[in-house]
Amino acid sequence: MEKNPILILDFPSFAYKLQKSAEKLLIFDEVSKKNRVLTPEEWVRQHCLNYLIHHLNYPSNLIQLEAPIFANQLKRRSDICIYDRNGELFLLIECKAPQVNLDASVLQQVSQYQSVLKSPFWAITNGLEHKIFTLNQENQVTILDFFPKFQ
């Protein structure tokens, strides 16, 4: 985040840890226990993770970042995969920078990932807007206005 890394998002604020290294600003990621380059997308991901872990009580040890996905003969990486206590994928989240609109192309990206991974819940967020999806009993996509409670 070149200009101002401290952008207010639609997630609760938290005591993040920043560090400067080789002219790059880094943010500490408590899931991977390492510093990551602070980009607008990473800022959103860290706020989303903090919200899920500290406000919705998602266990951090069941969260995987940048899980490899093979979709349309291409290797991709999901931003956040959260597993249930049985090791099954529970929630797939794709994070975008705040200036990225959550349009059809972003939805298509996460839908491709979901079609491969078969997550019961999937979401897109740019930190300002969140869209959470699931399939209802008729196997139709339903939009939720909240992140699901961890099961």
N, C-alpha and C. Protein backbone atom coordinates (compact mmCIF):
# COMPACT_ATOMS: atom_id res chain seq x y z
N MET A 1 0.85 -1.16 0.00
CA MET A 1 0.00 0.00 0.00
C MET A 1 0.90 1.22 0.00
N GLU A 2 1.15 1.71 -1.14
CA GLU A 2 2.15 2.74 -1.33
C GLU A 2 1.84 4.01 -0.54
N LYS A 3 0.66 4.55 -0.69
CA LYS A 3 0.37 5.87 -0.14
C LYS A 3 -0.04 5.82 1.33
N ASN A 4 -1.14 5.14 1.63
CA ASN A 4 -1.65 5.12 2.99
C ASN A 4 -2.11 3.72 3.37
N PRO A 5 -1.29 2.99 4.11
CA PRO A 5 -1.67 1.62 4.46
C PRO A 5 -2.79 1.57 5.49
N ILE A 6 -3.11 2.67 6.11
CA ILE A 6 -4.08 2.67 7.19
C ILE A 6 -5.45 3.08 6.65
N LEU A 7 -6.02 2.28 5.79
CA LEU A 7 -7.34 2.53 5.23
C LEU A 7 -8.39 1.89 6.14
N ILE A 8 -9.41 2.63 6.48
CA ILE A 8 -10.48 2.13 7.34
C ILE A 8 -11.37 1.19 6.51
N LEU A 9 -11.57 -0.02 7.04
CA LEU A 9 -12.37 -1.03 6.35
C LEU A 9 -13.64 -1.33 7.14
N ASP A 10 -14.52 -2.12 6.56
CA ASP A 10 -15.74 -2.55 7.23
C ASP A 10 -15.48 -3.84 8.02
N PHE A 11 -14.40 -3.84 8.75
CA PHE A 11 -14.04 -4.89 9.70
C PHE A 11 -13.60 -4.15 10.97
N PRO A 12 -13.69 -4.79 12.13
CA PRO A 12 -13.19 -4.13 13.34
C PRO A 12 -11.69 -3.84 13.23
N SER A 13 -11.27 -2.72 13.79
CA SER A 13 -9.84 -2.42 13.80
C SER A 13 -9.15 -3.35 14.79
N PHE A 14 -7.85 -3.49 14.65
CA PHE A 14 -7.09 -4.35 15.55
C PHE A 14 -5.66 -3.86 15.64
N ALA A 15 -4.92 -4.39 16.59
CA ALA A 15 -3.53 -3.97 16.82
C ALA A 15 -2.61 -4.75 15.89
N TYR A 16 -2.54 -4.35 14.65
CA TYR A 16 -1.67 -5.00 13.67
C TYR A 16 -0.23 -4.61 13.93
N LYS A 17 0.69 -5.43 13.44
CA LYS A 17 2.12 -5.17 13.61
C LYS A 17 2.74 -4.91 12.25
N LEU A 18 3.26 -3.70 12.07
CA LEU A 18 3.92 -3.33 10.83
C LEU A 18 5.42 -3.26 11.04
N GLN A 19 6.14 -3.55 9.97
CA GLN A 19 7.60 -3.50 9.99
C GLN A 19 8.07 -3.07 8.61
N LYS A 20 9.15 -2.32 8.56
CA LYS A 20 9.68 -1.90 7.28
C LYS A 20 10.92 -2.73 6.96
N SER A 21 11.00 -3.20 5.72
CA SER A 21 12.14 -4.01 5.29
C SER A 21 12.40 -3.73 3.82
N ALA A 22 13.62 -3.33 3.50
CA ALA A 22 14.03 -3.09 2.11
C ALA A 22 13.02 -2.22 1.36
N GLU A 23 12.66 -1.12 1.96
CA GLU A 23 11.73 -0.16 1.35
C GLU A 23 10.31 -0.69 1.19
N LYS A 24 10.01 -1.84 1.80
CA LYS A 24 8.65 -2.38 1.74
C LYS A 24 8.09 -2.42 3.15
N LEU A 25 6.81 -2.15 3.24
CA LEU A 25 6.12 -2.25 4.51
C LEU A 25 5.57 -3.66 4.63
N LEU A 26 5.77 -4.29 5.80
CA LEU A 26 5.31 -5.65 6.05
C LEU A 26 4.28 -5.63 7.17
N ILE A 27 3.36 -6.58 7.11
CA ILE A 27 2.38 -6.77 8.17
C ILE A 27 2.50 -8.20 8.67
N PHE A 28 2.42 -8.37 10.01
CA PHE A 28 2.54 -9.71 10.58
C PHE A 28 1.23 -10.46 10.40
N ASP A 29 1.35 -11.69 9.91
CA ASP A 29 0.20 -12.57 9.68
C ASP A 29 0.18 -13.61 10.79
N GLU A 30 -0.82 -13.53 11.67
CA GLU A 30 -0.84 -14.45 12.81
C GLU A 30 -1.20 -15.88 12.43
N VAL A 31 -1.75 -16.10 11.26
CA VAL A 31 -2.06 -17.47 10.84
C VAL A 31 -0.79 -18.19 10.40
N SER A 32 -0.02 -17.56 9.53
CA SER A 32 1.23 -18.19 9.04
C SER A 32 2.42 -17.87 9.93
N LYS A 33 2.23 -16.97 10.88
CA LYS A 33 3.29 -16.55 11.81
C LYS A 33 4.49 -15.95 11.08
N LYS A 34 4.20 -15.17 10.03
CA LYS A 34 5.29 -14.52 9.30
C LYS A 34 4.82 -13.17 8.79
N ASN A 35 5.78 -12.34 8.42
CA ASN A 35 5.47 -11.04 7.84
C ASN A 35 5.16 -11.20 6.36
N ARG A 36 4.19 -10.42 5.90
CA ARG A 36 3.82 -10.41 4.49
C ARG A 36 3.91 -8.98 3.98
N VAL A 37 4.23 -8.84 2.71
CA VAL A 37 4.28 -7.51 2.11
C VAL A 37 2.88 -6.89 2.19
N LEU A 38 2.83 -5.68 2.69
CA LEU A 38 1.55 -5.00 2.88
C LEU A 38 1.08 -4.38 1.57
N THR A 39 0.19 -5.09 0.92
CA THR A 39 -0.49 -4.60 -0.28
C THR A 39 -1.93 -4.27 0.13
N PRO A 40 -2.66 -3.57 -0.70
CA PRO A 40 -4.07 -3.33 -0.36
C PRO A 40 -4.86 -4.63 -0.13
N GLU A 41 -4.60 -5.64 -0.94
CA GLU A 41 -5.28 -6.93 -0.78
C GLU A 41 -4.88 -7.60 0.54
N GLU A 42 -3.60 -7.52 0.89
CA GLU A 42 -3.14 -8.12 2.15
C GLU A 42 -3.75 -7.40 3.35
N TRP A 43 -3.91 -6.10 3.25
CA TRP A 43 -4.55 -5.32 4.30
C TRP A 43 -5.97 -5.84 4.54
N VAL A 44 -6.69 -6.10 3.46
CA VAL A 44 -8.05 -6.65 3.56
C VAL A 44 -8.00 -8.05 4.16
N ARG A 45 -7.09 -8.89 3.68
CA ARG A 45 -7.01 -10.27 4.18
C ARG A 45 -6.73 -10.30 5.68
N GLN A 46 -5.80 -9.48 6.13
CA GLN A 46 -5.46 -9.48 7.56
C GLN A 46 -6.62 -8.99 8.42
N HIS A 47 -7.37 -8.03 7.94
CA HIS A 47 -8.55 -7.58 8.68
C HIS A 47 -9.63 -8.66 8.69
N CYS A 48 -9.81 -9.32 7.58
CA CYS A 48 -10.80 -10.40 7.49
C CYS A 48 -10.42 -11.54 8.45
N LEU A 49 -9.15 -11.93 8.43
CA LEU A 49 -8.68 -12.99 9.32
C LEU A 49 -8.88 -12.61 10.78
N ASN A 50 -8.51 -11.39 11.13
CA ASN A 50 -8.67 -10.94 12.51
C ASN A 50 -10.14 -11.01 12.93
N TYR A 51 -11.02 -10.59 12.05
CA TYR A 51 -12.46 -10.63 12.35
C TYR A 51 -12.93 -12.07 12.56
N LEU A 52 -12.55 -12.96 11.67
CA LEU A 52 -12.99 -14.35 11.78
C LEU A 52 -12.45 -15.01 13.05
N ILE A 53 -11.18 -14.78 13.36
CA ILE A 53 -10.54 -15.43 14.50
C ILE A 53 -10.98 -14.81 15.83
N HIS A 54 -10.95 -13.50 15.93
CA HIS A 54 -11.15 -12.85 17.22
C HIS A 54 -12.58 -12.38 17.50
N HIS A 55 -13.42 -12.34 16.49
CA HIS A 55 -14.81 -11.91 16.70
C HIS A 55 -15.81 -13.03 16.44
N LEU A 56 -15.49 -13.93 15.52
CA LEU A 56 -16.40 -15.05 15.23
C LEU A 56 -15.86 -16.38 15.74
N ASN A 57 -14.71 -16.35 16.40
CA ASN A 57 -14.11 -17.54 17.04
C ASN A 57 -13.78 -18.68 16.08
N TYR A 58 -13.33 -18.35 14.89
CA TYR A 58 -12.83 -19.36 13.97
C TYR A 58 -11.44 -19.78 14.47
N PRO A 59 -11.17 -21.08 14.59
CA PRO A 59 -9.84 -21.52 15.06
C PRO A 59 -8.76 -21.24 14.01
N SER A 60 -7.72 -20.54 14.39
CA SER A 60 -6.67 -20.17 13.43
C SER A 60 -5.94 -21.40 12.89
N ASN A 61 -5.92 -22.49 13.65
CA ASN A 61 -5.22 -23.69 13.17
C ASN A 61 -6.00 -24.43 12.09
N LEU A 62 -7.23 -24.00 11.80
CA LEU A 62 -8.02 -24.62 10.73
C LEU A 62 -8.12 -23.70 9.51
N ILE A 63 -7.26 -22.70 9.48
CA ILE A 63 -7.23 -21.74 8.37
C ILE A 63 -5.99 -21.98 7.53
N GLN A 64 -6.18 -22.06 6.22
CA GLN A 64 -5.06 -22.20 5.28
C GLN A 64 -5.08 -21.00 4.34
N LEU A 65 -3.91 -20.41 4.16
CA LEU A 65 -3.78 -19.28 3.25
C LEU A 65 -3.10 -19.72 1.97
N GLU A 66 -3.56 -19.16 0.86
CA GLU A 66 -2.96 -19.42 -0.45
C GLU A 66 -2.90 -20.91 -0.79
N ALA A 67 -4.00 -21.60 -0.53
CA ALA A 67 -4.09 -23.02 -0.88
C ALA A 67 -4.11 -23.17 -2.39
N PRO A 68 -3.30 -24.09 -2.93
CA PRO A 68 -3.29 -24.27 -4.39
C PRO A 68 -4.61 -24.86 -4.90
N ILE A 69 -5.05 -24.35 -6.03
CA ILE A 69 -6.27 -24.82 -6.69
C ILE A 69 -5.94 -25.00 -8.17
N PHE A 70 -6.40 -26.08 -8.74
CA PHE A 70 -6.23 -26.29 -10.18
C PHE A 70 -7.60 -26.10 -10.83
N ALA A 71 -7.76 -24.96 -11.51
CA ALA A 71 -9.03 -24.63 -12.16
C ALA A 71 -8.76 -24.28 -13.61
N ASN A 72 -9.51 -24.89 -14.51
CA ASN A 72 -9.35 -24.65 -15.95
C ASN A 72 -7.90 -24.83 -16.40
N GLN A 73 -7.29 -25.89 -15.93
CA GLN A 73 -5.91 -26.27 -16.28
C GLN A 73 -4.88 -25.22 -15.86
N LEU A 74 -5.24 -24.36 -14.91
CA LEU A 74 -4.32 -23.36 -14.39
C LEU A 74 -4.18 -23.55 -12.89
N LYS A 75 -2.97 -23.31 -12.40
CA LYS A 75 -2.76 -23.38 -10.96
C LYS A 75 -3.03 -22.00 -10.37
N ARG A 76 -3.96 -21.95 -9.44
CA ARG A 76 -4.34 -20.71 -8.77
C ARG A 76 -4.10 -20.88 -7.27
N ARG A 77 -4.32 -19.81 -6.53
CA ARG A 77 -4.21 -19.86 -5.07
C ARG A 77 -5.40 -19.13 -4.46
N SER A 78 -6.05 -19.80 -3.53
CA SER A 78 -7.16 -19.15 -2.83
C SER A 78 -6.59 -18.29 -1.71
N ASP A 79 -7.23 -17.20 -1.40
CA ASP A 79 -6.73 -16.32 -0.33
C ASP A 79 -6.89 -16.96 1.04
N ILE A 80 -8.10 -17.42 1.34
CA ILE A 80 -8.38 -18.00 2.66
C ILE A 80 -9.26 -19.23 2.49
N CYS A 81 -8.82 -20.36 3.06
CA CYS A 81 -9.64 -21.57 3.15
C CYS A 81 -9.78 -21.91 4.63
N ILE A 82 -11.00 -22.11 5.06
CA ILE A 82 -11.24 -22.46 6.45
C ILE A 82 -11.91 -23.83 6.48
N TYR A 83 -11.35 -24.70 7.30
CA TYR A 83 -11.82 -26.08 7.39
C TYR A 83 -12.61 -26.28 8.67
N ASP A 84 -13.53 -27.25 8.64
CA ASP A 84 -14.27 -27.58 9.86
C ASP A 84 -13.43 -28.54 10.70
N ARG A 85 -13.95 -28.96 11.81
CA ARG A 85 -13.18 -29.82 12.74
C ARG A 85 -12.94 -31.22 12.18
N ASN A 86 -13.64 -31.58 11.10
CA ASN A 86 -13.42 -32.87 10.44
C ASN A 86 -12.45 -32.76 9.28
N GLY A 87 -11.90 -31.57 9.06
CA GLY A 87 -10.94 -31.38 7.97
C GLY A 87 -11.57 -31.12 6.62
N GLU A 88 -12.89 -30.91 6.60
CA GLU A 88 -13.59 -30.60 5.35
C GLU A 88 -13.63 -29.08 5.16
N LEU A 89 -13.50 -28.65 3.91
CA LEU A 89 -13.57 -27.22 3.64
C LEU A 89 -14.93 -26.68 4.05
N PHE A 90 -14.91 -25.59 4.79
CA PHE A 90 -16.12 -24.98 5.32
C PHE A 90 -16.41 -23.64 4.64
N LEU A 91 -15.36 -22.82 4.46
CA LEU A 91 -15.53 -21.48 3.91
C LEU A 91 -14.32 -21.10 3.08
N LEU A 92 -14.58 -20.64 1.88
CA LEU A 92 -13.56 -20.18 0.94
C LEU A 92 -13.75 -18.67 0.76
N ILE A 93 -12.67 -17.89 0.94
CA ILE A 93 -12.78 -16.44 0.84
C ILE A 93 -11.74 -15.91 -0.14
N GLU A 94 -12.20 -15.08 -1.05
CA GLU A 94 -11.31 -14.39 -1.98
C GLU A 94 -11.30 -12.91 -1.58
N CYS A 95 -10.11 -12.40 -1.29
CA CYS A 95 -9.96 -11.00 -0.88
C CYS A 95 -9.46 -10.16 -2.05
N LYS A 96 -9.99 -8.98 -2.16
CA LYS A 96 -9.57 -8.03 -3.18
C LYS A 96 -9.21 -6.72 -2.50
N ALA A 97 -8.46 -5.89 -3.20
CA ALA A 97 -8.11 -4.57 -2.70
C ALA A 97 -9.38 -3.72 -2.58
N PRO A 98 -9.39 -2.75 -1.66
CA PRO A 98 -10.59 -1.93 -1.48
C PRO A 98 -11.08 -1.23 -2.74
N GLN A 99 -10.18 -0.88 -3.63
CA GLN A 99 -10.60 -0.16 -4.84
C GLN A 99 -11.16 -1.09 -5.92
N VAL A 100 -11.11 -2.40 -5.70
CA VAL A 100 -11.63 -3.36 -6.68
C VAL A 100 -13.12 -3.58 -6.42
N ASN A 101 -13.92 -3.36 -7.44
CA ASN A 101 -15.36 -3.62 -7.33
C ASN A 101 -15.61 -5.12 -7.30
N LEU A 102 -16.55 -5.53 -6.48
CA LEU A 102 -16.92 -6.95 -6.41
C LEU A 102 -17.94 -7.23 -7.51
N ASP A 103 -17.45 -7.26 -8.72
CA ASP A 103 -18.30 -7.40 -9.89
C ASP A 103 -18.36 -8.86 -10.35
N ALA A 104 -18.92 -9.06 -11.52
CA ALA A 104 -19.10 -10.42 -12.06
C ALA A 104 -17.78 -11.15 -12.25
N SER A 105 -16.71 -10.46 -12.60
CA SER A 105 -15.43 -11.14 -12.81
C SER A 105 -14.86 -11.68 -11.50
N VAL A 106 -15.04 -10.95 -10.41
CA VAL A 106 -14.58 -11.42 -9.10
C VAL A 106 -15.44 -12.59 -8.65
N LEU A 107 -16.74 -12.49 -8.86
CA LEU A 107 -17.63 -13.59 -8.52
C LEU A 107 -17.31 -14.82 -9.35
N GLN A 108 -16.99 -14.64 -10.61
CA GLN A 108 -16.63 -15.77 -11.46
C GLN A 108 -15.36 -16.45 -10.95
N GLN A 109 -14.39 -15.67 -10.51
CA GLN A 109 -13.15 -16.24 -9.99
C GLN A 109 -13.42 -17.12 -8.78
N VAL A 110 -14.14 -16.61 -7.78
CA VAL A 110 -14.40 -17.41 -6.59
C VAL A 110 -15.33 -18.58 -6.91
N SER A 111 -16.23 -18.41 -7.88
CA SER A 111 -17.12 -19.51 -8.27
C SER A 111 -16.34 -20.64 -8.93
N GLN A 112 -15.31 -20.30 -9.71
CA GLN A 112 -14.44 -21.34 -10.28
C GLN A 112 -13.74 -22.12 -9.17
N TYR A 113 -13.23 -21.40 -8.20
CA TYR A 113 -12.57 -22.06 -7.06
C TYR A 113 -13.56 -22.95 -6.33
N GLN A 114 -14.76 -22.43 -6.10
CA GLN A 114 -15.78 -23.18 -5.37
C GLN A 114 -16.20 -24.42 -6.14
N SER A 115 -16.26 -24.35 -7.45
CA SER A 115 -16.66 -25.52 -8.24
C SER A 115 -15.64 -26.64 -8.14
N VAL A 116 -14.39 -26.29 -7.90
CA VAL A 116 -13.33 -27.30 -7.71
C VAL A 116 -13.32 -27.80 -6.27
N LEU A 117 -13.40 -26.87 -5.32
CA LEU A 117 -13.23 -27.22 -3.91
C LEU A 117 -14.51 -27.66 -3.22
N LYS A 118 -15.67 -27.30 -3.76
CA LYS A 118 -16.97 -27.69 -3.21
C LYS A 118 -17.19 -27.24 -1.77
N SER A 119 -16.88 -26.01 -1.50
CA SER A 119 -17.09 -25.46 -0.16
C SER A 119 -18.57 -25.16 0.06
N PRO A 120 -19.11 -25.46 1.24
CA PRO A 120 -20.51 -25.12 1.49
C PRO A 120 -20.77 -23.61 1.56
N PHE A 121 -19.74 -22.85 1.89
CA PHE A 121 -19.83 -21.39 1.90
C PHE A 121 -18.65 -20.82 1.14
N TRP A 122 -18.87 -19.73 0.41
CA TRP A 122 -17.77 -19.03 -0.25
C TRP A 122 -18.09 -17.54 -0.22
N ALA A 123 -17.03 -16.72 -0.24
CA ALA A 123 -17.23 -15.29 -0.07
C ALA A 123 -16.20 -14.49 -0.85
N ILE A 124 -16.58 -13.25 -1.14
CA ILE A 124 -15.66 -12.28 -1.71
C ILE A 124 -15.74 -11.02 -0.85
N THR A 125 -14.61 -10.37 -0.66
CA THR A 125 -14.59 -9.13 0.10
C THR A 125 -13.51 -8.20 -0.43
N ASN A 126 -13.79 -6.93 -0.39
CA ASN A 126 -12.76 -5.93 -0.67
C ASN A 126 -12.54 -5.08 0.59
N GLY A 127 -13.03 -5.58 1.70
CA GLY A 127 -12.89 -4.90 2.97
C GLY A 127 -13.96 -3.85 3.22
N LEU A 128 -14.59 -3.39 2.17
CA LEU A 128 -15.65 -2.39 2.29
C LEU A 128 -17.02 -3.03 2.06
N GLU A 129 -17.01 -4.09 1.30
CA GLU A 129 -18.23 -4.83 0.95
C GLU A 129 -17.90 -6.31 1.04
N HIS A 130 -18.86 -7.10 1.51
CA HIS A 130 -18.67 -8.54 1.63
C HIS A 130 -19.88 -9.23 1.01
N LYS A 131 -19.61 -10.26 0.24
CA LYS A 131 -20.69 -11.07 -0.33
C LYS A 131 -20.39 -12.52 0.03
N ILE A 132 -21.34 -13.14 0.73
CA ILE A 132 -21.17 -14.50 1.20
C ILE A 132 -22.25 -15.34 0.53
N PHE A 133 -21.86 -16.52 0.05
CA PHE A 133 -22.76 -17.37 -0.72
C PHE A 133 -22.82 -18.78 -0.14
N THR A 134 -23.95 -19.43 -0.37
CA THR A 134 -24.13 -20.83 -0.04
C THR A 134 -25.19 -21.39 -0.99
N LEU A 135 -25.34 -22.70 -0.96
CA LEU A 135 -26.41 -23.34 -1.74
C LEU A 135 -27.56 -23.66 -0.81
N ASN A 136 -28.79 -23.36 -1.24
CA ASN A 136 -29.94 -23.70 -0.42
C ASN A 136 -30.36 -25.15 -0.70
N GLN A 137 -31.46 -25.57 -0.11
CA GLN A 137 -31.89 -26.96 -0.25
C GLN A 137 -32.28 -27.32 -1.67
N GLU A 138 -32.61 -26.33 -2.49
CA GLU A 138 -32.94 -26.57 -3.89
C GLU A 138 -31.71 -26.47 -4.78
N ASN A 139 -30.54 -26.41 -4.15
CA ASN A 139 -29.25 -26.33 -4.86
C ASN A 139 -29.10 -25.04 -5.66
N GLN A 140 -29.72 -23.98 -5.16
CA GLN A 140 -29.60 -22.67 -5.78
C GLN A 140 -28.71 -21.79 -4.90
N VAL A 141 -27.95 -20.92 -5.54
CA VAL A 141 -27.06 -20.03 -4.79
C VAL A 141 -27.89 -19.01 -4.01
N THR A 142 -27.56 -18.88 -2.74
CA THR A 142 -28.20 -17.92 -1.85
C THR A 142 -27.14 -16.96 -1.34
N ILE A 143 -27.47 -15.68 -1.31
CA ILE A 143 -26.54 -14.67 -0.79
C ILE A 143 -26.88 -14.41 0.67
N LEU A 144 -25.87 -14.49 1.52
CA LEU A 144 -26.03 -14.21 2.95
C LEU A 144 -25.50 -12.80 3.24
N ASP A 145 -25.98 -12.20 4.31
CA ASP A 145 -25.46 -10.87 4.67
C ASP A 145 -24.55 -10.95 5.90
N PHE A 146 -24.03 -12.15 6.17
CA PHE A 146 -23.15 -12.36 7.31
C PHE A 146 -22.23 -13.54 7.03
N PHE A 147 -21.10 -13.56 7.71
CA PHE A 147 -20.23 -14.73 7.62
C PHE A 147 -20.84 -15.83 8.47
N PRO A 148 -20.79 -17.08 8.01
CA PRO A 148 -21.43 -18.16 8.77
C PRO A 148 -20.73 -18.41 10.10
N LYS A 149 -21.51 -18.86 11.06
CA LYS A 149 -20.96 -19.25 12.35
C LYS A 149 -20.10 -20.49 12.14
N PHE A 150 -18.94 -20.53 12.79
CA PHE A 150 -18.06 -21.68 12.62
C PHE A 150 -18.72 -22.92 13.22
N GLN A 151 -18.61 -24.04 12.47
CA GLN A 151 -19.22 -25.30 12.93
C GLN A 151 -18.15 -26.33 13.17
